[in-house]
Amino acid sequence: MRLNPSPFYMIKTGQKTIELRLNDEKRSLLNKGDEIEFINTEDPKLKLIAKITAIHHFDSFDELYKSLPLLKCGYTKEDIASAKASDMDVYYSREMQRKYGVLGIEIKVI
């Protein structure tokens, strides 16, 4: 999976332990125990491997944001107050969210 530099480093340092994704055809194949290779979008030579420890399924990011700890999803203490599910609309349209549902993929870097 490709990641922008900020979330890449947050995962690398253990600050972010839940990756948010659309439950599309590719992600629907994921299972607990699988490994994911994350690639930095700005420097594809930078990669890391994480093991899936849990997968949380939701119909929408609205539901996900109400259920999962957002500090583990890539938000910081500085921006948690302004966190909202619509932040994910930049990456996935509401139509796509309704079609596929969404995931909170809990991971641990190995």
N, C-alpha and C. Protein backbone atom coordinates (compact mmCIF):
# COMPACT_ATOMS: atom_id res chain seq x y z
N MET A 1 0.85 -1.18 0.00
CA MET A 1 0.00 0.00 0.00
C MET A 1 0.89 1.23 0.00
N ARG A 2 0.47 2.19 -0.77
CA ARG A 2 1.23 3.44 -0.85
C ARG A 2 0.72 4.40 0.21
N LEU A 3 1.67 5.14 0.83
CA LEU A 3 1.34 6.10 1.87
C LEU A 3 2.09 7.40 1.65
N ASN A 4 1.43 8.50 1.91
CA ASN A 4 2.10 9.79 1.92
C ASN A 4 3.14 9.79 3.05
N PRO A 5 4.14 10.65 2.96
CA PRO A 5 5.22 10.64 3.94
C PRO A 5 4.79 10.76 5.41
N SER A 6 3.85 11.63 5.72
CA SER A 6 3.45 11.82 7.12
C SER A 6 2.88 10.55 7.74
N PRO A 7 1.85 9.92 7.14
CA PRO A 7 1.36 8.68 7.75
C PRO A 7 2.40 7.55 7.70
N PHE A 8 3.25 7.55 6.69
CA PHE A 8 4.31 6.54 6.61
C PHE A 8 5.19 6.61 7.86
N TYR A 9 5.64 7.81 8.19
CA TYR A 9 6.52 7.97 9.36
C TYR A 9 5.77 7.75 10.67
N MET A 10 4.49 8.09 10.70
CA MET A 10 3.70 7.83 11.91
C MET A 10 3.58 6.33 12.15
N ILE A 11 3.41 5.55 11.10
CA ILE A 11 3.36 4.09 11.24
C ILE A 11 4.73 3.57 11.63
N LYS A 12 5.76 4.07 10.98
CA LYS A 12 7.13 3.63 11.25
C LYS A 12 7.49 3.82 12.72
N THR A 13 7.07 4.93 13.32
CA THR A 13 7.41 5.24 14.70
C THR A 13 6.42 4.67 15.71
N GLY A 14 5.36 4.03 15.23
CA GLY A 14 4.37 3.44 16.13
C GLY A 14 3.31 4.40 16.61
N GLN A 15 3.33 5.62 16.12
CA GLN A 15 2.32 6.61 16.52
C GLN A 15 0.96 6.29 15.88
N LYS A 16 0.98 5.75 14.67
CA LYS A 16 -0.25 5.37 13.96
C LYS A 16 -0.27 3.85 13.86
N THR A 17 -1.30 3.23 14.43
CA THR A 17 -1.39 1.76 14.42
C THR A 17 -2.65 1.26 13.74
N ILE A 18 -3.46 2.18 13.21
CA ILE A 18 -4.66 1.79 12.47
C ILE A 18 -4.67 2.55 11.15
N GLU A 19 -4.63 1.81 10.05
CA GLU A 19 -4.68 2.40 8.72
C GLU A 19 -6.12 2.37 8.22
N LEU A 20 -6.60 3.48 7.70
CA LEU A 20 -7.98 3.60 7.23
C LEU A 20 -8.01 3.44 5.72
N ARG A 21 -8.85 2.54 5.26
CA ARG A 21 -8.95 2.27 3.82
C ARG A 21 -10.38 1.93 3.44
N LEU A 22 -10.64 2.03 2.14
CA LEU A 22 -11.89 1.56 1.55
C LEU A 22 -11.83 0.03 1.52
N ASN A 23 -12.93 -0.63 1.73
CA ASN A 23 -12.95 -2.10 1.69
C ASN A 23 -13.24 -2.55 0.25
N ASP A 24 -12.40 -2.12 -0.67
CA ASP A 24 -12.57 -2.46 -2.08
C ASP A 24 -12.14 -3.91 -2.35
N GLU A 25 -12.13 -4.29 -3.60
CA GLU A 25 -11.81 -5.68 -3.96
C GLU A 25 -10.45 -6.11 -3.39
N LYS A 26 -9.47 -5.25 -3.50
CA LYS A 26 -8.12 -5.58 -3.03
C LYS A 26 -8.07 -5.73 -1.50
N ARG A 27 -8.65 -4.79 -0.78
CA ARG A 27 -8.62 -4.82 0.69
C ARG A 27 -9.53 -5.89 1.28
N SER A 28 -10.55 -6.29 0.55
CA SER A 28 -11.46 -7.32 1.07
C SER A 28 -10.77 -8.68 1.18
N LEU A 29 -9.61 -8.81 0.58
CA LEU A 29 -8.84 -10.06 0.65
C LEU A 29 -7.94 -10.13 1.88
N LEU A 30 -7.82 -9.02 2.61
CA LEU A 30 -6.94 -8.98 3.77
C LEU A 30 -7.51 -9.78 4.94
N ASN A 31 -6.60 -10.39 5.71
CA ASN A 31 -6.98 -11.16 6.89
C ASN A 31 -6.03 -10.85 8.03
N LYS A 32 -6.51 -11.06 9.24
CA LYS A 32 -5.65 -10.93 10.42
C LYS A 32 -4.46 -11.87 10.23
N GLY A 33 -3.27 -11.38 10.54
CA GLY A 33 -2.06 -12.17 10.37
C GLY A 33 -1.32 -11.92 9.07
N ASP A 34 -2.00 -11.34 8.09
CA ASP A 34 -1.35 -11.00 6.82
C ASP A 34 -0.33 -9.89 7.04
N GLU A 35 0.62 -9.80 6.13
CA GLU A 35 1.60 -8.72 6.17
C GLU A 35 1.31 -7.74 5.04
N ILE A 36 1.53 -6.46 5.33
CA ILE A 36 1.33 -5.40 4.35
C ILE A 36 2.66 -4.68 4.17
N GLU A 37 3.02 -4.43 2.92
CA GLU A 37 4.19 -3.60 2.64
C GLU A 37 3.69 -2.19 2.36
N PHE A 38 4.18 -1.24 3.14
CA PHE A 38 3.86 0.17 2.93
C PHE A 38 5.02 0.83 2.20
N ILE A 39 4.69 1.63 1.19
CA ILE A 39 5.69 2.30 0.36
C ILE A 39 5.45 3.80 0.44
N ASN A 40 6.50 4.55 0.74
CA ASN A 40 6.43 6.00 0.82
C ASN A 40 6.22 6.57 -0.58
N THR A 41 5.18 7.37 -0.77
CA THR A 41 4.86 7.90 -2.10
C THR A 41 5.92 8.85 -2.65
N GLU A 42 6.65 9.53 -1.77
CA GLU A 42 7.65 10.48 -2.25
C GLU A 42 9.01 9.83 -2.47
N ASP A 43 9.25 8.70 -1.81
CA ASP A 43 10.52 7.99 -1.98
C ASP A 43 10.22 6.49 -1.95
N PRO A 44 9.89 5.90 -3.10
CA PRO A 44 9.49 4.50 -3.16
C PRO A 44 10.54 3.51 -2.64
N LYS A 45 11.77 3.97 -2.43
CA LYS A 45 12.78 3.09 -1.84
C LYS A 45 12.51 2.87 -0.35
N LEU A 46 11.75 3.79 0.26
CA LEU A 46 11.42 3.67 1.68
C LEU A 46 10.18 2.78 1.82
N LYS A 47 10.38 1.67 2.49
CA LYS A 47 9.31 0.68 2.67
C LYS A 47 9.33 0.17 4.09
N LEU A 48 8.20 -0.32 4.54
CA LEU A 48 8.15 -1.01 5.82
C LEU A 48 7.10 -2.10 5.75
N ILE A 49 7.27 -3.09 6.59
CA ILE A 49 6.36 -4.23 6.63
C ILE A 49 5.62 -4.21 7.97
N ALA A 50 4.31 -4.43 7.92
CA ALA A 50 3.50 -4.49 9.14
C ALA A 50 2.61 -5.72 9.07
N LYS A 51 2.33 -6.27 10.23
CA LYS A 51 1.44 -7.42 10.34
C LYS A 51 0.07 -6.93 10.79
N ILE A 52 -0.98 -7.46 10.17
CA ILE A 52 -2.34 -7.10 10.54
C ILE A 52 -2.70 -7.83 11.84
N THR A 53 -3.07 -7.05 12.86
CA THR A 53 -3.46 -7.65 14.15
C THR A 53 -4.98 -7.70 14.33
N ALA A 54 -5.69 -6.87 13.58
CA ALA A 54 -7.16 -6.87 13.62
C ALA A 54 -7.67 -6.06 12.43
N ILE A 55 -8.88 -6.40 11.99
CA ILE A 55 -9.53 -5.65 10.92
C ILE A 55 -10.92 -5.27 11.40
N HIS A 56 -11.20 -3.97 11.37
CA HIS A 56 -12.49 -3.45 11.83
C HIS A 56 -13.29 -3.01 10.60
N HIS A 57 -14.46 -3.58 10.41
CA HIS A 57 -15.32 -3.30 9.26
C HIS A 57 -16.43 -2.32 9.65
N PHE A 58 -16.66 -1.34 8.79
CA PHE A 58 -17.73 -0.36 9.01
C PHE A 58 -18.39 -0.03 7.67
N ASP A 59 -19.62 0.45 7.75
CA ASP A 59 -20.33 0.88 6.54
C ASP A 59 -19.82 2.22 6.04
N SER A 60 -19.28 3.03 6.94
CA SER A 60 -18.84 4.37 6.56
C SER A 60 -17.75 4.86 7.51
N PHE A 61 -17.06 5.91 7.09
CA PHE A 61 -16.08 6.52 7.98
C PHE A 61 -16.78 7.21 9.14
N ASP A 62 -18.03 7.63 8.96
CA ASP A 62 -18.79 8.20 10.08
C ASP A 62 -18.84 7.20 11.22
N GLU A 63 -19.18 5.95 10.92
CA GLU A 63 -19.25 4.90 11.95
C GLU A 63 -17.87 4.60 12.51
N LEU A 64 -16.89 4.51 11.64
CA LEU A 64 -15.52 4.21 12.07
C LEU A 64 -15.03 5.27 13.05
N TYR A 65 -15.23 6.54 12.72
CA TYR A 65 -14.74 7.63 13.56
C TYR A 65 -15.40 7.63 14.93
N LYS A 66 -16.61 7.11 15.03
CA LYS A 66 -17.30 7.03 16.32
C LYS A 66 -16.81 5.85 17.15
N SER A 67 -16.18 4.87 16.51
CA SER A 67 -15.84 3.62 17.19
C SER A 67 -14.37 3.41 17.51
N LEU A 68 -13.48 3.91 16.66
CA LEU A 68 -12.05 3.64 16.84
C LEU A 68 -11.33 4.84 17.46
N PRO A 69 -10.24 4.58 18.19
CA PRO A 69 -9.47 5.68 18.79
C PRO A 69 -8.70 6.44 17.71
N LEU A 70 -9.09 7.67 17.46
CA LEU A 70 -8.54 8.44 16.34
C LEU A 70 -7.06 8.76 16.51
N LEU A 71 -6.57 8.78 17.74
CA LEU A 71 -5.14 9.01 17.94
C LEU A 71 -4.31 7.85 17.38
N LYS A 72 -4.93 6.68 17.24
CA LYS A 72 -4.24 5.54 16.64
C LYS A 72 -4.43 5.50 15.13
N CYS A 73 -5.30 6.39 14.62
CA CYS A 73 -5.61 6.43 13.19
C CYS A 73 -4.86 7.51 12.43
N GLY A 74 -3.91 8.16 13.08
CA GLY A 74 -3.11 9.16 12.39
C GLY A 74 -3.34 10.59 12.82
N TYR A 75 -4.25 10.80 13.74
CA TYR A 75 -4.45 12.15 14.27
C TYR A 75 -3.51 12.36 15.45
N THR A 76 -3.19 13.62 15.71
CA THR A 76 -2.32 13.96 16.82
C THR A 76 -3.13 14.71 17.88
N LYS A 77 -2.54 14.92 19.04
CA LYS A 77 -3.22 15.67 20.10
C LYS A 77 -3.55 17.08 19.62
N GLU A 78 -2.73 17.60 18.71
CA GLU A 78 -2.95 18.96 18.20
C GLU A 78 -4.14 19.05 17.24
N ASP A 79 -4.42 17.99 16.49
CA ASP A 79 -5.50 18.09 15.50
C ASP A 79 -6.71 17.19 15.80
N ILE A 80 -6.69 16.48 16.91
CA ILE A 80 -7.79 15.56 17.23
C ILE A 80 -9.12 16.29 17.40
N ALA A 81 -9.09 17.50 17.93
CA ALA A 81 -10.34 18.24 18.16
C ALA A 81 -11.06 18.57 16.86
N SER A 82 -10.32 18.70 15.78
CA SER A 82 -10.95 19.03 14.49
C SER A 82 -11.15 17.80 13.60
N ALA A 83 -10.84 16.61 14.11
CA ALA A 83 -10.98 15.38 13.32
C ALA A 83 -12.45 15.13 12.99
N LYS A 84 -12.70 14.79 11.73
CA LYS A 84 -14.06 14.46 11.31
C LYS A 84 -14.02 13.46 10.16
N ALA A 85 -15.04 12.66 10.08
CA ALA A 85 -15.09 11.60 9.07
C ALA A 85 -14.96 12.15 7.66
N SER A 86 -15.45 13.34 7.44
CA SER A 86 -15.38 13.92 6.09
C SER A 86 -13.93 14.19 5.66
N ASP A 87 -12.97 14.13 6.59
CA ASP A 87 -11.56 14.25 6.22
C ASP A 87 -11.19 13.17 5.20
N MET A 88 -11.84 12.03 5.27
CA MET A 88 -11.52 10.91 4.38
C MET A 88 -12.14 11.06 2.99
N ASP A 89 -13.05 12.04 2.83
CA ASP A 89 -13.67 12.27 1.52
C ASP A 89 -12.63 12.69 0.47
N VAL A 90 -11.51 13.21 0.92
CA VAL A 90 -10.43 13.60 0.01
C VAL A 90 -9.88 12.37 -0.71
N TYR A 91 -9.89 11.24 -0.01
CA TYR A 91 -9.33 10.00 -0.56
C TYR A 91 -10.38 9.10 -1.20
N TYR A 92 -11.57 9.05 -0.58
CA TYR A 92 -12.62 8.14 -1.04
C TYR A 92 -13.96 8.87 -1.06
N SER A 93 -14.61 8.87 -2.21
CA SER A 93 -15.90 9.55 -2.32
C SER A 93 -16.94 8.86 -1.43
N ARG A 94 -17.97 9.60 -1.09
CA ARG A 94 -19.07 9.03 -0.29
C ARG A 94 -19.72 7.87 -1.04
N GLU A 95 -19.80 8.00 -2.35
CA GLU A 95 -20.38 6.94 -3.17
C GLU A 95 -19.55 5.65 -3.04
N MET A 96 -18.23 5.77 -3.10
CA MET A 96 -17.35 4.61 -2.96
C MET A 96 -17.47 4.02 -1.55
N GLN A 97 -17.59 4.88 -0.56
CA GLN A 97 -17.74 4.40 0.81
C GLN A 97 -19.03 3.58 0.96
N ARG A 98 -20.11 4.08 0.36
CA ARG A 98 -21.39 3.35 0.43
C ARG A 98 -21.30 2.02 -0.33
N LYS A 99 -20.61 2.02 -1.45
CA LYS A 99 -20.51 0.83 -2.28
C LYS A 99 -19.70 -0.29 -1.59
N TYR A 100 -18.56 0.08 -1.00
CA TYR A 100 -17.65 -0.93 -0.47
C TYR A 100 -17.61 -1.05 1.05
N GLY A 101 -17.97 0.00 1.75
CA GLY A 101 -17.72 0.02 3.18
C GLY A 101 -16.27 0.41 3.42
N VAL A 102 -15.88 0.52 4.69
CA VAL A 102 -14.53 0.98 5.02
C VAL A 102 -13.91 0.08 6.08
N LEU A 103 -12.59 0.21 6.20
CA LEU A 103 -11.85 -0.62 7.15
C LEU A 103 -10.95 0.23 8.05
N GLY A 104 -10.78 -0.24 9.24
CA GLY A 104 -9.71 0.20 10.12
C GLY A 104 -8.80 -1.00 10.26
N ILE A 105 -7.64 -0.94 9.63
CA ILE A 105 -6.72 -2.07 9.62
C ILE A 105 -5.69 -1.85 10.72
N GLU A 106 -5.81 -2.63 11.79
CA GLU A 106 -4.89 -2.49 12.91
C GLU A 106 -3.60 -3.25 12.58
N ILE A 107 -2.47 -2.57 12.79
CA ILE A 107 -1.19 -3.15 12.36
C ILE A 107 -0.12 -2.99 13.42
N LYS A 108 0.92 -3.80 13.26
CA LYS A 108 2.12 -3.70 14.08
C LYS A 108 3.31 -3.86 13.15
N VAL A 109 4.21 -2.88 13.17
CA VAL A 109 5.41 -2.94 12.32
C VAL A 109 6.28 -4.10 12.77
N ILE A 110 6.78 -4.85 11.78
CA ILE A 110 7.68 -5.98 12.11
C ILE A 110 9.05 -5.76 11.50
